[in-house]
Protein backbone atom coordinates (compact mmCIF):
# COMPACT_ATOMS: atom_id res chain seq x y z
CA UNK A 1 207.94 170.81 -85.66
CA UNK A 2 207.66 168.01 -82.91
CA UNK A 3 208.25 169.19 -79.53
CA UNK A 4 208.17 167.07 -76.37
CA UNK A 5 207.75 169.27 -73.33
CA UNK A 6 207.64 167.30 -69.73
CA UNK A 7 205.17 167.76 -67.07
CA UNK A 8 206.13 166.70 -63.76
CA UNK A 9 204.21 166.94 -60.42
CA UNK A 10 204.05 165.26 -57.21
CA UNK A 11 201.71 162.40 -58.43
CA UNK A 12 202.84 161.70 -61.95
CA UNK A 13 205.40 162.44 -64.84
CA UNK A 14 204.04 162.95 -68.53
CA UNK A 15 204.94 164.49 -71.54
CA UNK A 16 203.03 166.66 -73.74
CA UNK A 17 203.56 166.45 -77.47
CA UNK A 18 203.00 169.41 -79.56
CA UNK A 19 203.45 169.64 -83.46
CA UNK A 20 201.35 169.28 -86.95
CA UNK A 21 200.25 165.70 -88.12
CA UNK A 22 202.09 164.14 -85.05
CA UNK A 23 199.19 162.07 -84.08
CA UNK A 24 200.46 158.69 -85.17
CA UNK A 25 203.90 158.79 -83.73
CA UNK A 26 202.76 160.46 -80.41
CA UNK A 27 199.95 158.05 -79.50
CA UNK A 28 202.39 154.89 -80.49
CA UNK A 29 205.21 156.82 -78.30
CA UNK A 30 202.35 157.01 -75.34
CA UNK A 31 201.04 153.33 -75.54
CA UNK A 32 204.07 151.89 -75.32
CA UNK A 33 203.79 152.65 -71.86
CA UNK A 34 200.53 151.06 -71.49
CA UNK A 35 200.15 147.61 -73.70
CA UNK A 36 196.97 146.52 -73.94
CA UNK A 37 194.23 144.27 -76.30
CA UNK A 38 191.68 147.11 -76.18
CA UNK A 39 191.11 150.81 -76.28
CA UNK A 40 188.26 153.01 -75.13
CA UNK A 41 187.70 156.59 -77.00
CA UNK A 42 185.47 159.57 -75.54
CA UNK A 43 185.35 161.76 -78.85
CA UNK A 44 183.53 165.04 -79.21
CA UNK A 45 180.88 164.45 -81.83
CA UNK A 46 181.93 167.28 -84.25
CA UNK A 47 185.79 165.94 -84.14
CA UNK A 48 184.14 162.46 -84.84
CA UNK A 49 182.53 164.35 -88.29
CA UNK A 50 185.28 165.91 -89.30
CA UNK A 51 188.53 163.72 -88.05
CA UNK A 52 187.33 160.41 -87.86
CA UNK A 53 188.65 158.91 -90.77
CA UNK A 54 191.99 160.12 -89.96
CA UNK A 55 191.82 159.04 -86.22
CA UNK A 56 190.52 155.52 -86.83
CA UNK A 57 193.44 153.91 -88.54
CA UNK A 58 195.68 155.19 -86.09
CA UNK A 59 194.11 153.85 -83.24
CA UNK A 60 193.60 150.30 -85.34
CA UNK A 61 196.93 150.03 -86.15
CA UNK A 62 197.45 149.80 -82.71
CA UNK A 63 196.52 145.87 -82.87
CA UNK A 64 193.75 146.20 -80.35
CA UNK A 65 189.83 146.47 -80.39
CA UNK A 66 188.35 150.09 -80.28
CA UNK A 67 185.33 151.10 -78.58
CA UNK A 68 184.20 154.83 -79.09
CA UNK A 69 181.28 156.82 -77.54
CA UNK A 70 180.59 159.91 -79.17
CA UNK A 71 180.12 162.84 -76.65
CA UNK A 72 177.99 165.86 -77.77
CA UNK A 73 179.31 169.62 -78.27
CA UNK A 74 178.90 172.00 -75.28
CA UNK A 75 178.42 172.63 -71.52
CA UNK A 76 175.02 170.26 -71.11
CA UNK A 77 177.85 167.37 -71.59
CA UNK A 78 179.48 168.14 -67.78
CA UNK A 79 176.49 166.91 -66.25
CA UNK A 80 175.88 163.94 -63.80
CA UNK A 81 173.76 162.65 -66.55
CA UNK A 82 176.73 162.41 -69.45
CA UNK A 83 179.14 161.41 -66.70
CA UNK A 84 177.13 158.48 -65.67
CA UNK A 85 176.77 157.45 -69.83
CA UNK A 86 180.59 157.57 -70.10
CA UNK A 87 180.88 154.84 -66.78
CA UNK A 88 177.86 152.81 -68.23
CA UNK A 89 179.90 152.85 -71.61
CA UNK A 90 183.17 151.54 -69.85
CA UNK A 91 182.34 149.20 -67.00
CA UNK A 92 179.33 147.67 -69.52
CA UNK A 93 181.93 147.08 -72.01
CA UNK A 94 184.49 145.41 -70.05
CA UNK A 95 187.55 148.15 -69.34
CA UNK A 96 190.28 146.83 -67.16
CA UNK A 97 192.61 148.98 -64.65
CA UNK A 98 195.10 148.87 -67.33
CA UNK A 99 192.72 149.61 -70.48
CA UNK A 100 193.78 153.04 -71.66
CA UNK A 101 190.99 155.83 -72.21
CA UNK A 102 191.53 158.10 -75.09
CA UNK A 103 190.00 161.75 -74.52
CA UNK A 104 189.44 163.37 -78.00
CA UNK A 105 188.30 166.41 -78.09
CA UNK A 106 187.81 170.02 -76.74
CA UNK A 107 187.70 171.13 -72.90
CA UNK A 108 184.41 169.74 -72.35
CA UNK A 109 185.00 166.13 -73.74
CA UNK A 110 188.54 166.23 -71.76
CA UNK A 111 187.01 167.70 -68.72
CA UNK A 112 184.15 165.11 -68.20
CA UNK A 113 185.79 162.41 -69.78
CA UNK A 114 189.03 162.96 -67.78
CA UNK A 115 186.74 162.50 -64.51
CA UNK A 116 185.50 159.52 -65.91
CA UNK A 117 189.06 158.14 -66.26
CA UNK A 118 189.69 159.27 -62.54
CA UNK A 119 186.82 157.39 -61.27
CA UNK A 120 186.26 154.51 -63.04
CA UNK A 121 187.92 151.55 -61.61
CA UNK A 122 189.19 154.26 -59.29
CA UNK A 123 191.85 155.54 -62.22
CA UNK A 124 192.30 154.75 -65.89
CA UNK A 125 195.56 155.95 -67.88
CA UNK A 126 193.86 158.74 -69.68
CA UNK A 127 195.94 160.08 -72.79
CA UNK A 128 194.47 163.48 -74.08
CA UNK A 129 194.24 164.47 -77.55
CA UNK A 130 193.11 167.98 -77.30
CA UNK A 131 191.67 169.38 -80.44
CA UNK A 132 190.55 173.18 -79.87
CA UNK A 133 193.38 175.67 -78.74
CA UNK A 134 192.18 176.47 -75.65
CA UNK A 135 192.53 172.80 -74.64
CA UNK A 136 195.83 172.24 -76.18
CA UNK A 137 197.11 175.39 -74.08
CA UNK A 138 194.97 174.97 -70.60
CA UNK A 139 192.37 172.59 -69.76
CA UNK A 140 194.10 169.21 -71.00
CA UNK A 141 197.27 170.20 -68.89
CA UNK A 142 197.32 169.81 -65.30
CA UNK A 143 195.01 167.07 -63.75
CA UNK A 144 191.90 169.21 -63.47
CA UNK A 145 188.62 166.98 -64.30
CA UNK A 146 185.01 167.70 -63.43
CA UNK A 147 181.49 168.52 -64.11
CA UNK A 148 179.19 171.21 -63.44
CA UNK A 149 176.34 171.21 -60.87
CA UNK A 150 173.29 173.73 -60.69
CA UNK A 151 174.96 175.84 -58.14
CA UNK A 152 177.89 176.27 -60.16
CA UNK A 153 180.58 175.47 -62.53
CA UNK A 154 182.96 172.72 -62.02
CA UNK A 155 182.02 171.97 -58.65
CA UNK A 156 182.56 167.92 -58.87
CA UNK A 157 185.67 166.98 -59.80
CA UNK A 158 188.98 165.43 -59.15
CA UNK A 159 192.82 166.06 -59.54
CA UNK A 160 193.73 163.55 -62.31
CA UNK A 161 196.87 163.60 -64.19
CA UNK A 162 197.17 162.24 -67.74
CA UNK A 163 199.35 159.37 -69.15
CA UNK A 164 199.93 161.82 -72.01
CA UNK A 165 198.97 165.20 -74.07
CA UNK A 166 199.01 164.62 -77.59
CA UNK A 167 198.66 168.41 -79.23
CA UNK A 168 198.28 167.72 -83.06
CA UNK A 169 197.40 171.69 -84.57
CA UNK A 170 196.18 169.75 -87.64
CA UNK A 171 192.98 169.41 -85.78
CA UNK A 172 192.95 173.07 -85.67
CA UNK A 173 192.25 173.28 -89.53
CA UNK A 174 188.42 172.41 -88.54
CA UNK A 175 188.31 174.92 -85.38
CA UNK A 176 185.21 177.55 -85.95
CA UNK A 177 186.65 180.86 -85.56
CA UNK A 178 184.50 181.41 -82.37
CA UNK A 179 186.53 178.30 -81.06
CA UNK A 180 189.64 180.02 -81.90
CA UNK A 181 188.46 183.23 -79.62
CA UNK A 182 187.91 180.70 -77.02
CA UNK A 183 191.69 179.58 -76.77
CA UNK A 184 192.65 183.08 -77.22
CA UNK A 185 191.64 184.12 -74.35
CA UNK A 186 193.65 181.50 -72.18
CA UNK A 187 197.02 182.49 -74.37
CA UNK A 188 196.39 185.98 -73.23
CA UNK A 189 195.77 184.93 -69.61
CA UNK A 190 199.68 183.60 -69.75
CA UNK A 191 200.84 186.55 -71.03
CA UNK A 192 199.41 188.75 -68.50
CA UNK A 193 200.54 186.39 -65.26
CA UNK A 194 203.59 185.41 -66.79
CA UNK A 195 205.12 185.96 -70.31
CA UNK A 196 204.90 189.21 -72.11
CA UNK A 197 206.59 187.76 -75.30
CA UNK A 198 202.95 185.91 -75.95
CA UNK A 199 201.01 188.91 -76.47
CA UNK A 200 203.34 189.74 -79.55
CA UNK A 201 202.98 186.24 -80.71
CA UNK A 202 199.45 186.59 -80.40
CA UNK A 203 199.33 189.34 -82.62
CA UNK A 204 199.59 187.32 -85.85
CA UNK A 205 196.07 186.40 -85.34
CA UNK A 206 195.14 190.28 -85.82
CA UNK A 207 197.59 190.77 -88.84
CA UNK A 208 196.72 187.26 -90.36
CA UNK A 209 193.70 185.80 -88.91
CA UNK A 210 193.11 182.53 -87.40
CA UNK A 211 193.16 180.17 -90.58
CA UNK A 212 196.25 181.70 -91.64
CA UNK A 213 198.61 181.61 -88.78
CA UNK A 214 201.96 180.55 -89.18
CA UNK A 215 202.54 177.09 -88.23
CA UNK A 216 205.92 177.20 -86.59
CA UNK A 217 204.88 180.62 -84.50
CA UNK A 218 201.29 178.85 -83.82
CA UNK A 219 203.33 175.52 -82.62
CA UNK A 220 205.70 177.85 -80.33
CA UNK A 221 202.80 179.82 -79.02
CA UNK A 222 201.29 176.52 -77.96
CA UNK A 223 204.20 175.07 -76.64
CA UNK A 224 205.22 178.19 -74.73
CA UNK A 225 201.53 178.22 -72.59
CA UNK A 226 201.76 174.26 -71.78
CA UNK A 227 205.39 175.34 -70.75
CA UNK A 228 204.26 177.68 -68.54
CA UNK A 229 201.43 175.68 -66.56
CA UNK A 230 203.34 172.82 -66.66
CA UNK A 231 205.89 175.03 -64.14
CA UNK A 232 203.11 176.21 -62.17
CA UNK A 233 201.82 172.84 -61.37
CA UNK A 234 205.06 171.50 -61.06
CA UNK A 235 205.36 173.69 -58.14
CA UNK A 236 201.37 173.39 -56.75
CA UNK A 237 199.28 170.41 -58.14
CA UNK A 238 196.73 170.90 -55.98
CA UNK A 239 196.23 174.43 -56.17
CA UNK A 240 197.08 175.23 -52.73
CA UNK A 241 199.35 178.59 -53.82
CA UNK A 242 200.41 179.82 -57.01
CA UNK A 243 198.48 177.52 -59.03
CA UNK A 244 195.34 179.73 -58.35
CA UNK A 245 197.16 182.32 -60.91
CA UNK A 246 196.04 180.35 -63.73
CA UNK A 247 192.36 181.81 -62.67
CA UNK A 248 193.19 185.69 -63.31
CA UNK A 249 189.97 186.77 -64.74
CA UNK A 250 188.05 183.62 -63.78
CA UNK A 251 186.15 184.56 -61.00
CA UNK A 252 184.45 186.95 -63.21
CA UNK A 253 183.91 184.46 -66.19
CA UNK A 254 182.63 181.99 -63.87
CA UNK A 255 180.12 184.25 -62.25
CA UNK A 256 179.01 185.60 -65.89
CA UNK A 257 178.90 182.09 -67.22
CA UNK A 258 176.81 181.20 -64.52
CA UNK A 259 174.13 183.94 -65.07
CA UNK A 260 173.97 183.28 -68.83
CA UNK A 261 172.90 180.14 -67.90
CA UNK A 262 175.94 178.55 -69.82
CA UNK A 263 174.38 179.64 -73.21
CA UNK A 264 174.88 183.18 -74.69
CA UNK A 265 178.65 183.54 -73.65
CA UNK A 266 181.46 181.26 -74.37
CA UNK A 267 183.86 180.79 -71.83
CA UNK A 268 186.99 182.36 -73.91
CA UNK A 269 184.51 185.25 -73.95
CA UNK A 270 183.84 185.42 -70.43
CA UNK A 271 187.23 184.80 -69.55
CA UNK A 272 188.07 187.92 -71.72
CA UNK A 273 185.85 190.01 -69.77
CA UNK A 274 186.96 188.73 -66.82
CA UNK A 275 190.20 189.63 -67.41
CA UNK A 276 189.32 193.29 -67.93
CA UNK A 277 187.31 193.52 -64.95
CA UNK A 278 190.09 192.07 -63.09
CA UNK A 279 192.73 194.40 -64.52
CA UNK A 280 190.55 197.40 -63.51
CA UNK A 281 189.88 195.81 -60.02
CA UNK A 282 193.64 195.75 -59.72
CA UNK A 283 194.04 199.59 -60.54
CA UNK A 284 191.33 200.09 -58.05
CA UNK A 285 193.35 198.18 -55.10
CA UNK A 286 196.69 199.97 -56.00
CA UNK A 287 198.15 198.62 -59.23
CA UNK A 288 198.99 200.44 -62.42
CA UNK A 289 199.50 199.90 -65.56
CA UNK A 290 201.60 201.69 -67.88
CA UNK A 291 200.75 199.68 -71.04
CA UNK A 292 197.27 198.22 -71.81
CA UNK A 293 198.35 194.51 -73.69
CA UNK A 294 194.59 193.45 -73.75
CA UNK A 295 193.42 196.20 -75.33
CA UNK A 296 194.54 195.72 -78.63
CA UNK A 297 192.63 192.38 -78.98
CA UNK A 298 189.19 193.38 -78.28
CA UNK A 299 188.36 193.95 -82.15
CA UNK A 300 188.34 189.82 -82.24
CA UNK A 301 185.57 189.47 -79.81
CA UNK A 302 181.78 190.05 -80.41
CA UNK A 303 179.09 189.51 -77.68
CA UNK A 304 175.54 187.72 -77.91
CA UNK A 305 174.54 189.13 -74.33
CA UNK A 306 173.57 192.47 -73.76
CA UNK A 307 174.36 193.98 -70.50
CA UNK A 308 170.62 195.19 -69.63
CA UNK A 309 169.75 191.89 -69.16
CA UNK A 310 172.80 191.11 -66.51
CA UNK A 311 172.45 192.52 -62.77
CA UNK A 312 175.46 193.85 -60.87
CA UNK A 313 173.90 192.20 -57.48
CA UNK A 314 173.26 188.74 -59.33
CA UNK A 315 176.91 188.69 -60.87
CA UNK A 316 178.49 189.54 -57.75
CA UNK A 317 176.25 187.09 -55.60
CA UNK A 318 177.31 184.48 -58.16
CA UNK A 319 180.93 185.14 -57.39
CA UNK A 320 180.54 184.43 -53.70
CA UNK A 321 179.40 180.74 -54.48
CA UNK A 322 182.61 180.24 -56.45
CA UNK A 323 184.02 176.78 -55.33
CA UNK A 324 187.66 178.32 -54.49
CA UNK A 325 186.24 180.98 -51.82
CA UNK A 326 187.59 179.58 -48.60
CA UNK A 327 185.99 182.92 -46.10
CA UNK A 328 183.95 185.73 -46.55
CA UNK A 329 185.80 187.61 -48.72
CA UNK A 330 185.77 187.14 -52.37
CA UNK A 331 189.41 185.70 -53.87
CA UNK A 332 190.85 187.49 -56.80
CA UNK A 333 193.44 186.64 -58.73
CA UNK A 334 194.47 190.80 -59.41
CA UNK A 335 197.52 192.05 -60.92
CA UNK A 336 200.85 194.21 -59.17
CA UNK A 337 201.89 194.66 -62.55
CA UNK A 338 202.06 192.64 -66.16
CA UNK A 339 203.48 189.56 -65.07
CA UNK A 340 203.04 189.62 -61.58
CA UNK A 341 199.99 187.82 -60.35
CA UNK A 342 198.93 188.08 -56.53
CA UNK A 343 195.96 186.97 -54.57
CA UNK A 344 193.94 189.04 -52.68
CA UNK A 345 190.47 188.98 -51.08
CA UNK A 346 188.30 191.65 -51.46
CA UNK A 347 185.18 192.63 -49.89
CA UNK A 348 184.48 196.14 -51.12
CA UNK A 349 181.38 195.67 -53.11
CA UNK A 350 181.80 199.22 -54.76
CA UNK A 351 184.84 198.50 -56.29
CA UNK A 352 183.53 195.38 -57.52
CA UNK A 353 180.96 196.59 -59.31
CA UNK A 354 183.02 198.77 -60.88
CA UNK A 355 185.66 196.28 -62.16
CA UNK A 356 182.27 194.34 -63.43
CA UNK A 357 181.26 197.74 -65.26
CA UNK A 358 184.32 197.67 -67.12
CA UNK A 359 183.45 194.10 -68.60
CA UNK A 360 179.54 194.75 -69.12
CA UNK A 361 180.41 198.04 -71.06
CA UNK A 362 181.71 196.12 -74.00
CA UNK A 363 178.39 194.28 -74.03
CA UNK A 364 175.83 195.58 -76.76
CA UNK A 365 173.03 197.68 -75.31
């Protein structure tokens, strides 16, 4: 199955391609719109180790010279220092404004590589090749790029749309289970805010495990998530309204990640806990749920942080520094019911602490 999904925004139109072993064909199609004698590649170091022997011939088949830079894994690469190194790589090696920058990796590589593409020479053609489930369904779509600051996550960045996104699910064959879990959280988010059939499709991970997931169902699941995000971004490219719904659970998650110094909890683990907390806060502010679609997936998550090392006061304080806050209240994406997200400003610290308690109870004592 090879699917092409249009992504249309006020500033750009491009395609996201989804399928297994589609890299060569999709890259040839994508580069046909950007003829050049040179390609620059930013690639995650683990993806390089596992897949460069397959990627390299595809890149060289374009006929141009190829220069690559390996990006260390982990949030530490979303730093000013790493970003500066990427700019040095591009500018010192003769990049031109029509030179495509191909970014290959997960969410971290995509975010910082996308920011480099957005700012080098005021914008280079950017081709995303996401290699994790999280990057395929979420971070590679919609044009958000950025790096972290000591004050918080993703506080420096830009909206910059890709020229193409190529989600070749063959890359997922070498994905560690913990990275599958990271992506699963974003998948479940789409089920919560938009389409409950996603929960049913995601149950294959409970029944079959991640490595044995049915290829056709996996492609459909990824495509469904991309379509949802593309539809939302089309209506609200710069997050002035409904695009904020894509942050369901993330206000809690970003605070939790910061409290753990972006180390002992992954983004996906934090998002799952954040969704549990957001669902509870939804209930505390008047919503009612007859079913709990998230509960069945709790068994897939394990955590390396204990709740004893976390402070409710500190977590709530970190939420106040979230970049999306515009007033004295904390803005949350909550649910009126499943598939019906709503933005609410909440300033009742007691309610927020009660919501946090549901998430923290998932952690080992």
